Amino acid sequence: MEDIIQFVLENQEEEEDNESKVPYIEFLASYYNPFLIWLLLVLFLNRNKWKRPIIYILIAVWFFNYASDFSCYFSNIYDYGERLSGFLDYSLEFIGQIIGDWYLLLRTKAITGNKKIPLVYVTCILYNLTKINGILYFYNETPPYDDKDNYIKFALILFVIQIFGVFYDIANIYYLKKNTFNKYKKSMNGTKNSFIEKLKHVSEFRIVISLILSLTVIFIFSLTFLSSYYLYKTGKDDNMENIDCISISYRQVYFNYYFMFIDQILLRFYAERKNPKFKISSTNSFMFKEEETSFKSNIHLLNNKIVDYNNCTASERYLMNLSELLESNSLKGSALSCKSSIDNMTDNLIIKI
């Protein structure tokens, strides 16, 4: 009998230990924010260029999204009220969204060459104000799921936010449209004309595609909300709260967030590869090809500048002869192996000429 009692007591202690470990497991799990890996990758690729507004925006988006999840964790441990819990959760989420909305504005401004984009500024500010209104709602009202009326009020706020999000997206597409097609034609010369190649090489194309997909999600959200609201008002369906408008709305928002990180990663990999100052391993065939092309163009420029062969210096004659050898593909490999030193010599000669 004593053995049975001892066995039961040991099992109870083990269950209590497991229950006490659950909050700590949840605490550790909360660190696995979906944007953390993307942020770390962006910071690593831009490790020498952190002091930029766009990098600050990405960090703020991750921080407030994580803080929102963190507040939910503490609300499960410390009972500080459903109203305060809901206010902290949604307020931090909306603050992160407001900051993230400015990423698209900065990218549009940079792509258009810092031209005036008043419609984008106006729609972005209005878009932010609708989200501030959502924060004030949680500050002044009870949580949205207490009853149907509160749920409908919050769903209406989300609907208004989505409508102004449409205006903001359309304003950005308006300013990006002309620049996108022009840059697309230049970028696609000599490359595969595929959807994936467009996404990888043309940042403007990625932005427009993301905006179109965002508008699609907003359209689905609007249809879902309006149909449910109509059925609720006409008395045909009293279960409007079963329509998860919040998750549908957040799908659109999270897609835009993921796009921001992906856009910065692709910009680093593809846009900066075309910059001759971009440092990368010599085993990379793409960059080796670019360097070879740059080397040939320097020699070609030298040949166009120098007309009188007899009046050239020994170094100039060497480069001209090397150009002829490259065209015949006889010493292409050996020429490329000493490309670095020749490029410096070529640059000095061109400056003197």
Protein backbone atom coordinates (compact mmCIF):
# COMPACT_ATOMS: atom_id res chain seq x y z
CA MET A 1 0.00 0.00 0.00
CA GLU A 2 2.82 2.38 0.87
CA ASP A 3 4.42 1.66 -2.51
CA ILE A 4 1.19 2.60 -4.30
CA ILE A 5 0.88 5.88 -2.37
CA GLN A 6 4.53 6.70 -3.09
CA PHE A 7 3.99 5.97 -6.80
CA VAL A 8 0.95 8.29 -6.94
CA LEU A 9 2.81 11.11 -5.16
CA GLU A 10 5.76 10.82 -7.55
CA ASN A 11 3.43 11.00 -10.56
CA GLN A 12 1.73 14.09 -9.15
CA GLU A 13 5.09 15.81 -8.65
CA GLU A 14 6.12 14.92 -12.20
CA GLU A 15 2.87 16.36 -13.62
CA GLU A 16 3.37 19.58 -11.62
CA ASP A 17 6.91 19.88 -12.95
CA ASN A 18 5.67 19.42 -16.52
CA GLU A 19 2.97 22.04 -16.02
CA SER A 20 5.53 24.50 -14.65
CA LYS A 21 7.70 23.92 -17.71
CA VAL A 22 4.90 24.77 -20.16
CA PRO A 23 5.14 28.58 -19.74
CA TYR A 24 8.90 28.44 -20.24
CA ILE A 25 8.46 26.34 -23.38
CA GLU A 26 5.94 28.88 -24.65
CA PHE A 27 8.37 31.65 -23.75
CA LEU A 28 11.16 30.05 -25.79
CA ALA A 29 8.78 29.32 -28.65
CA SER A 30 7.79 32.98 -28.76
CA TYR A 31 11.32 33.80 -29.91
CA TYR A 32 10.63 32.02 -33.21
CA ASN A 33 9.02 35.04 -34.81
CA PRO A 34 8.33 34.44 -38.54
CA PHE A 35 10.24 37.58 -39.52
CA LEU A 36 13.34 36.92 -37.39
CA ILE A 37 15.13 34.66 -39.88
CA TRP A 38 14.40 37.06 -42.75
CA LEU A 39 15.63 40.02 -40.70
CA LEU A 40 18.86 38.28 -39.74
CA LEU A 41 19.50 37.39 -43.38
CA VAL A 42 18.92 40.98 -44.50
CA LEU A 43 21.19 42.32 -41.75
CA PHE A 44 23.90 39.85 -42.70
CA LEU A 45 23.77 40.76 -46.39
CA ASN A 46 23.78 44.47 -45.50
CA ARG A 47 26.22 44.18 -42.61
CA ASN A 48 28.12 47.30 -43.71
CA LYS A 49 24.99 49.31 -44.55
CA TRP A 50 22.76 49.20 -41.48
CA LYS A 51 22.36 52.95 -41.12
CA ARG A 52 19.57 53.25 -43.69
CA PRO A 53 15.89 54.14 -43.19
CA ILE A 54 14.72 50.93 -44.87
CA ILE A 55 16.80 48.77 -42.52
CA TYR A 56 15.35 50.66 -39.55
CA ILE A 57 11.84 49.98 -40.88
CA LEU A 58 12.51 46.24 -41.19
CA ILE A 59 13.87 46.10 -37.65
CA ALA A 60 10.85 48.02 -36.31
CA VAL A 61 8.41 45.72 -38.14
CA TRP A 62 10.01 42.68 -36.55
CA PHE A 63 10.26 44.29 -33.10
CA PHE A 64 6.62 45.37 -32.80
CA ASN A 65 5.35 42.12 -34.30
CA TYR A 66 7.43 40.21 -31.77
CA ALA A 67 6.32 42.52 -28.94
CA SER A 68 2.70 41.80 -29.87
CA ASP A 69 3.31 38.05 -29.59
CA PHE A 70 5.26 38.61 -26.38
CA SER A 71 2.35 40.49 -24.79
CA CYS A 72 0.08 37.53 -25.55
CA TYR A 73 2.50 35.24 -23.73
CA PHE A 74 2.51 37.39 -20.59
CA SER A 75 -1.27 37.73 -20.65
CA ASN A 76 -1.46 33.94 -20.23
CA ILE A 77 0.81 34.07 -17.16
CA TYR A 78 -0.19 37.33 -15.50
CA ASP A 79 -3.88 38.08 -15.45
CA TYR A 80 -3.84 41.83 -16.09
CA GLY A 81 -7.27 41.95 -17.72
CA GLU A 82 -8.73 41.06 -21.08
CA ARG A 83 -9.13 44.69 -22.08
CA LEU A 84 -5.49 45.60 -21.41
CA SER A 85 -4.35 42.38 -23.04
CA GLY A 86 -6.29 43.10 -26.22
CA PHE A 87 -5.15 46.72 -26.26
CA LEU A 88 -1.45 45.78 -26.00
CA ASP A 89 -1.69 42.99 -28.55
CA TYR A 90 -3.48 44.88 -31.33
CA SER A 91 -1.85 48.24 -30.59
CA LEU A 92 1.66 46.86 -30.97
CA GLU A 93 0.57 45.03 -34.11
CA PHE A 94 -0.89 48.20 -35.64
CA ILE A 95 2.19 50.26 -34.74
CA GLY A 96 4.37 47.75 -36.58
CA GLN A 97 2.05 47.93 -39.58
CA ILE A 98 2.11 51.74 -39.62
CA ILE A 99 5.90 51.77 -39.70
CA GLY A 100 5.98 49.01 -42.33
CA ASP A 101 3.64 50.97 -44.61
CA TRP A 102 6.39 53.54 -45.18
CA TYR A 103 8.68 50.96 -46.78
CA LEU A 104 6.69 51.00 -50.00
CA LEU A 105 6.68 54.80 -50.04
CA LEU A 106 10.48 54.96 -49.69
CA ARG A 107 10.97 52.35 -52.42
CA THR A 108 8.60 54.17 -54.79
CA LYS A 109 10.36 57.46 -54.13
CA ALA A 110 13.77 55.89 -54.79
CA ILE A 111 12.64 54.12 -57.98
CA THR A 112 11.09 57.28 -59.43
CA GLY A 113 14.32 59.21 -58.85
CA ASN A 114 13.11 61.19 -55.82
CA LYS A 115 10.37 62.81 -57.89
CA LYS A 116 7.32 64.29 -56.19
CA ILE A 117 4.74 61.62 -55.32
CA PRO A 118 2.03 63.56 -53.45
CA LEU A 119 -0.70 60.94 -53.92
CA VAL A 120 1.47 58.30 -52.27
CA TYR A 121 2.14 60.55 -49.27
CA VAL A 122 -1.52 61.48 -48.84
CA THR A 123 -2.84 57.92 -49.15
CA CYS A 124 -0.09 56.58 -46.85
CA ILE A 125 -0.96 59.10 -44.13
CA LEU A 126 -4.68 58.35 -44.43
CA TYR A 127 -3.90 54.63 -44.34
CA ASN A 128 -1.93 55.15 -41.12
CA LEU A 129 -4.73 57.22 -39.58
CA THR A 130 -7.23 54.38 -40.06
CA LYS A 131 -4.91 52.10 -38.09
CA ILE A 132 -4.48 54.71 -35.37
CA ASN A 133 -8.28 54.71 -35.18
CA GLY A 134 -8.08 50.96 -34.58
CA ILE A 135 -5.70 51.55 -31.66
CA LEU A 136 -8.06 54.13 -30.16
CA TYR A 137 -10.92 51.66 -30.51
CA PHE A 138 -9.18 49.19 -28.21
CA TYR A 139 -8.32 51.95 -25.78
CA ASN A 140 -11.92 53.17 -25.46
CA GLU A 141 -13.95 50.00 -26.00
CA THR A 142 -14.18 46.53 -24.54
CA PRO A 143 -12.55 43.61 -26.40
CA PRO A 144 -14.17 42.87 -29.78
CA TYR A 145 -15.28 39.33 -29.02
CA ASP A 146 -17.44 40.12 -25.99
CA ASP A 147 -20.55 40.36 -28.14
CA LYS A 148 -21.63 40.61 -31.77
CA ASP A 149 -21.91 44.40 -31.80
CA ASN A 150 -18.32 44.86 -30.70
CA TYR A 151 -17.15 42.30 -33.22
CA ILE A 152 -18.97 44.11 -36.03
CA LYS A 153 -17.45 47.45 -34.97
CA PHE A 154 -13.97 45.99 -35.14
CA ALA A 155 -14.70 44.26 -38.45
CA LEU A 156 -15.87 47.62 -39.84
CA ILE A 157 -12.60 49.22 -38.73
CA LEU A 158 -10.66 46.48 -40.54
CA PHE A 159 -12.82 46.98 -43.62
CA VAL A 160 -12.09 50.73 -43.69
CA ILE A 161 -8.38 50.00 -43.24
CA GLN A 162 -8.47 47.66 -46.25
CA ILE A 163 -10.25 50.26 -48.40
CA PHE A 164 -7.60 52.89 -47.70
CA GLY A 165 -4.99 50.20 -48.33
CA VAL A 166 -6.44 49.87 -51.84
CA PHE A 167 -6.02 53.61 -52.43
CA TYR A 168 -2.43 53.43 -51.18
CA ASP A 169 -1.57 50.49 -53.45
CA ILE A 170 -3.16 52.11 -56.50
CA ALA A 171 -1.23 55.34 -55.87
CA ASN A 172 2.05 53.42 -55.81
CA ILE A 173 1.18 51.47 -58.96
CA TYR A 174 0.34 54.76 -60.71
CA TYR A 175 3.83 56.16 -60.13
CA LEU A 176 5.64 52.87 -60.71
CA LYS A 177 3.89 51.86 -63.92
CA LYS A 178 5.93 53.85 -66.45
CA ASN A 179 9.26 53.31 -64.70
CA THR A 180 8.58 49.59 -64.32
CA PHE A 181 8.06 48.91 -68.02
CA ASN A 182 11.05 51.02 -69.07
CA LYS A 183 13.43 49.33 -66.65
CA TYR A 184 11.99 45.92 -67.47
CA LYS A 185 12.89 46.30 -71.15
CA LYS A 186 16.46 47.31 -70.30
CA SER A 187 16.94 44.60 -67.69
CA MET A 188 15.55 41.76 -69.80
CA ASN A 189 17.86 42.34 -72.78
CA GLY A 190 19.90 39.18 -73.17
CA THR A 191 18.18 37.33 -70.32
CA LYS A 192 15.44 34.75 -70.14
CA ASN A 193 12.03 36.32 -70.55
CA SER A 194 10.36 34.37 -67.75
CA PHE A 195 8.25 35.31 -64.76
CA ILE A 196 10.92 34.15 -62.30
CA GLU A 197 13.64 36.15 -64.03
CA LYS A 198 11.47 39.27 -63.91
CA LEU A 199 10.90 38.81 -60.18
CA LYS A 200 14.60 38.29 -59.51
CA HIS A 201 16.00 41.15 -61.58
CA VAL A 202 13.37 43.93 -61.59
CA SER A 203 12.47 45.34 -58.18
CA GLU A 204 9.64 47.43 -59.64
CA PHE A 205 8.09 44.29 -61.10
CA ARG A 206 8.18 42.62 -57.66
CA ILE A 207 6.47 45.63 -56.10
CA VAL A 208 3.69 45.72 -58.69
CA ILE A 209 3.07 41.97 -58.40
CA SER A 210 2.93 42.20 -54.59
CA LEU A 211 0.45 45.07 -54.82
CA ILE A 212 -1.76 43.15 -57.23
CA LEU A 213 -1.79 40.12 -54.91
CA SER A 214 -2.48 42.41 -51.96
CA LEU A 215 -5.44 43.91 -53.79
CA THR A 216 -6.72 40.39 -54.49
CA VAL A 217 -6.70 39.54 -50.78
CA ILE A 218 -8.41 42.84 -49.97
CA PHE A 219 -11.09 42.05 -52.56
CA ILE A 220 -11.72 38.64 -50.95
CA PHE A 221 -11.87 40.24 -47.50
CA SER A 222 -14.35 42.87 -48.70
CA LEU A 223 -16.66 40.31 -50.29
CA THR A 224 -16.53 38.13 -47.18
CA PHE A 225 -17.29 41.00 -44.84
CA LEU A 226 -20.05 42.61 -46.93
CA SER A 227 -21.87 39.34 -47.54
CA SER A 228 -21.69 38.40 -43.84
CA TYR A 229 -22.76 41.88 -42.76
CA TYR A 230 -25.75 41.80 -45.12
CA LEU A 231 -26.88 38.39 -43.83
CA TYR A 232 -26.49 39.59 -40.23
CA LYS A 233 -28.47 42.79 -40.74
CA THR A 234 -31.28 41.02 -42.59
CA GLY A 235 -31.53 38.40 -39.82
CA LYS A 236 -30.66 35.51 -42.13
CA ASP A 237 -27.48 34.63 -40.22
CA ASP A 238 -26.68 35.48 -36.60
CA ASN A 239 -23.23 33.89 -36.64
CA MET A 240 -21.24 36.65 -38.28
CA GLU A 241 -18.48 36.25 -35.74
CA ASN A 242 -17.71 32.85 -37.27
CA ILE A 243 -16.20 34.71 -40.24
CA ASP A 244 -12.61 35.31 -39.19
CA CYS A 245 -12.15 38.76 -40.72
CA ILE A 246 -9.07 39.37 -38.60
CA SER A 247 -7.08 36.44 -39.99
CA ILE A 248 -8.09 37.31 -43.58
CA SER A 249 -6.95 40.89 -43.04
CA TYR A 250 -3.65 39.80 -41.48
CA ARG A 251 -2.86 37.50 -44.41
CA GLN A 252 -2.69 40.56 -46.65
CA VAL A 253 -0.56 42.46 -44.14
CA TYR A 254 1.88 39.60 -43.53
CA PHE A 255 2.28 39.05 -47.26
CA ASN A 256 3.42 42.67 -47.63
CA TYR A 257 5.85 42.20 -44.73
CA TYR A 258 7.39 39.09 -46.26
CA PHE A 259 7.69 40.96 -49.54
CA MET A 260 9.76 43.71 -47.88
CA PHE A 261 12.37 41.25 -46.65
CA ILE A 262 12.44 39.26 -49.91
CA ASP A 263 12.77 42.45 -51.94
CA GLN A 264 15.80 43.58 -49.95
CA ILE A 265 17.46 40.17 -50.27
CA LEU A 266 16.95 40.04 -54.04
CA LEU A 267 18.15 43.62 -54.41
CA ARG A 268 21.36 42.64 -52.68
CA PHE A 269 21.90 39.53 -54.77
CA TYR A 270 20.95 40.82 -58.22
CA ALA A 271 20.98 44.61 -58.34
CA GLU A 272 24.38 45.00 -56.68
CA ARG A 273 25.93 42.23 -58.74
CA LYS A 274 25.94 44.62 -61.67
CA ASN A 275 28.03 47.06 -59.66
CA PRO A 276 31.76 46.51 -60.40
CA LYS A 277 32.56 47.36 -56.77
CA PHE A 278 30.46 44.40 -55.57
CA LYS A 279 32.84 41.94 -53.92
CA ILE A 280 32.24 38.24 -54.44
CA SER A 281 34.27 35.06 -54.73
CA SER A 282 36.15 34.56 -58.00
CA THR A 283 34.53 31.16 -58.31
CA ASN A 284 31.22 32.83 -59.14
CA SER A 285 30.75 32.39 -62.88
CA PHE A 286 28.27 35.24 -63.18
CA MET A 287 30.62 37.83 -61.75
CA PHE A 288 33.55 36.39 -63.69
CA LYS A 289 31.63 36.94 -66.87
CA GLU A 290 30.83 40.51 -65.85
CA GLU A 291 34.48 41.21 -65.09
CA GLU A 292 35.54 39.76 -68.42
CA THR A 293 33.06 42.00 -70.23
CA SER A 294 34.29 45.04 -68.30
CA PHE A 295 37.89 44.19 -69.20
CA LYS A 296 37.09 43.91 -72.90
CA SER A 297 35.14 47.15 -72.88
CA ASN A 298 38.10 48.99 -71.32
CA ILE A 299 40.45 47.74 -74.03
CA HIS A 300 37.86 48.56 -76.71
CA LEU A 301 37.63 52.09 -75.34
CA LEU A 302 41.41 52.38 -75.44
CA ASN A 303 41.50 51.26 -79.07
CA ASN A 304 38.91 53.89 -79.97
CA LYS A 305 40.92 56.60 -78.22
CA ILE A 306 44.33 55.69 -79.68
CA VAL A 307 44.67 56.04 -83.43
CA ASP A 308 48.39 56.42 -84.12
CA TYR A 309 50.01 53.12 -83.15
CA ASN A 310 53.57 54.38 -83.70
CA ASN A 311 53.13 57.24 -81.21
CA CYS A 312 51.83 54.99 -78.44
CA THR A 313 53.77 54.03 -75.35
CA ALA A 314 54.87 50.47 -74.78
CA SER A 315 52.01 49.85 -72.35
CA GLU A 316 49.44 51.18 -74.81
CA ARG A 317 50.81 48.99 -77.58
CA TYR A 318 50.67 46.00 -75.26
CA LEU A 319 46.99 46.57 -74.53
CA MET A 320 46.14 47.02 -78.20
CA ASN A 321 47.90 43.80 -79.12
CA LEU A 322 46.19 42.03 -76.26
CA SER A 323 42.83 43.21 -77.57
CA GLU A 324 43.51 41.60 -80.94
CA LEU A 325 44.50 38.37 -79.23
CA LEU A 326 41.31 38.33 -77.19
CA GLU A 327 39.20 38.76 -80.31
CA SER A 328 40.86 35.73 -81.87
CA ASN A 329 40.36 33.76 -78.59
CA SER A 330 43.96 32.57 -78.64
CA LEU A 331 45.14 33.80 -75.25
CA LYS A 332 41.82 34.46 -73.57
CA GLY A 333 42.51 32.35 -70.50
CA SER A 334 45.91 33.84 -69.72
CA ALA A 335 44.65 37.36 -70.31
CA LEU A 336 41.84 36.92 -67.83
CA SER A 337 44.22 35.59 -65.18
CA CYS A 338 46.09 38.90 -65.14
CA LYS A 339 42.98 41.01 -65.66
CA SER A 340 43.20 42.82 -62.34
CA SER A 341 46.59 44.42 -62.99
CA ILE A 342 45.73 45.26 -66.61
CA ASP A 343 42.47 46.95 -65.58
CA ASN A 344 44.39 49.32 -63.34
CA MET A 345 46.83 50.10 -66.15
CA THR A 346 43.96 50.66 -68.57
CA ASP A 347 42.18 53.06 -66.23
CA ASN A 348 45.35 55.15 -65.83
CA LEU A 349 45.90 55.31 -69.58
CA ILE A 350 42.32 56.33 -70.27
CA ILE A 351 42.55 59.11 -67.70
CA LYS A 352 45.71 60.44 -69.30
CA ILE A 353 44.17 60.33 -72.77
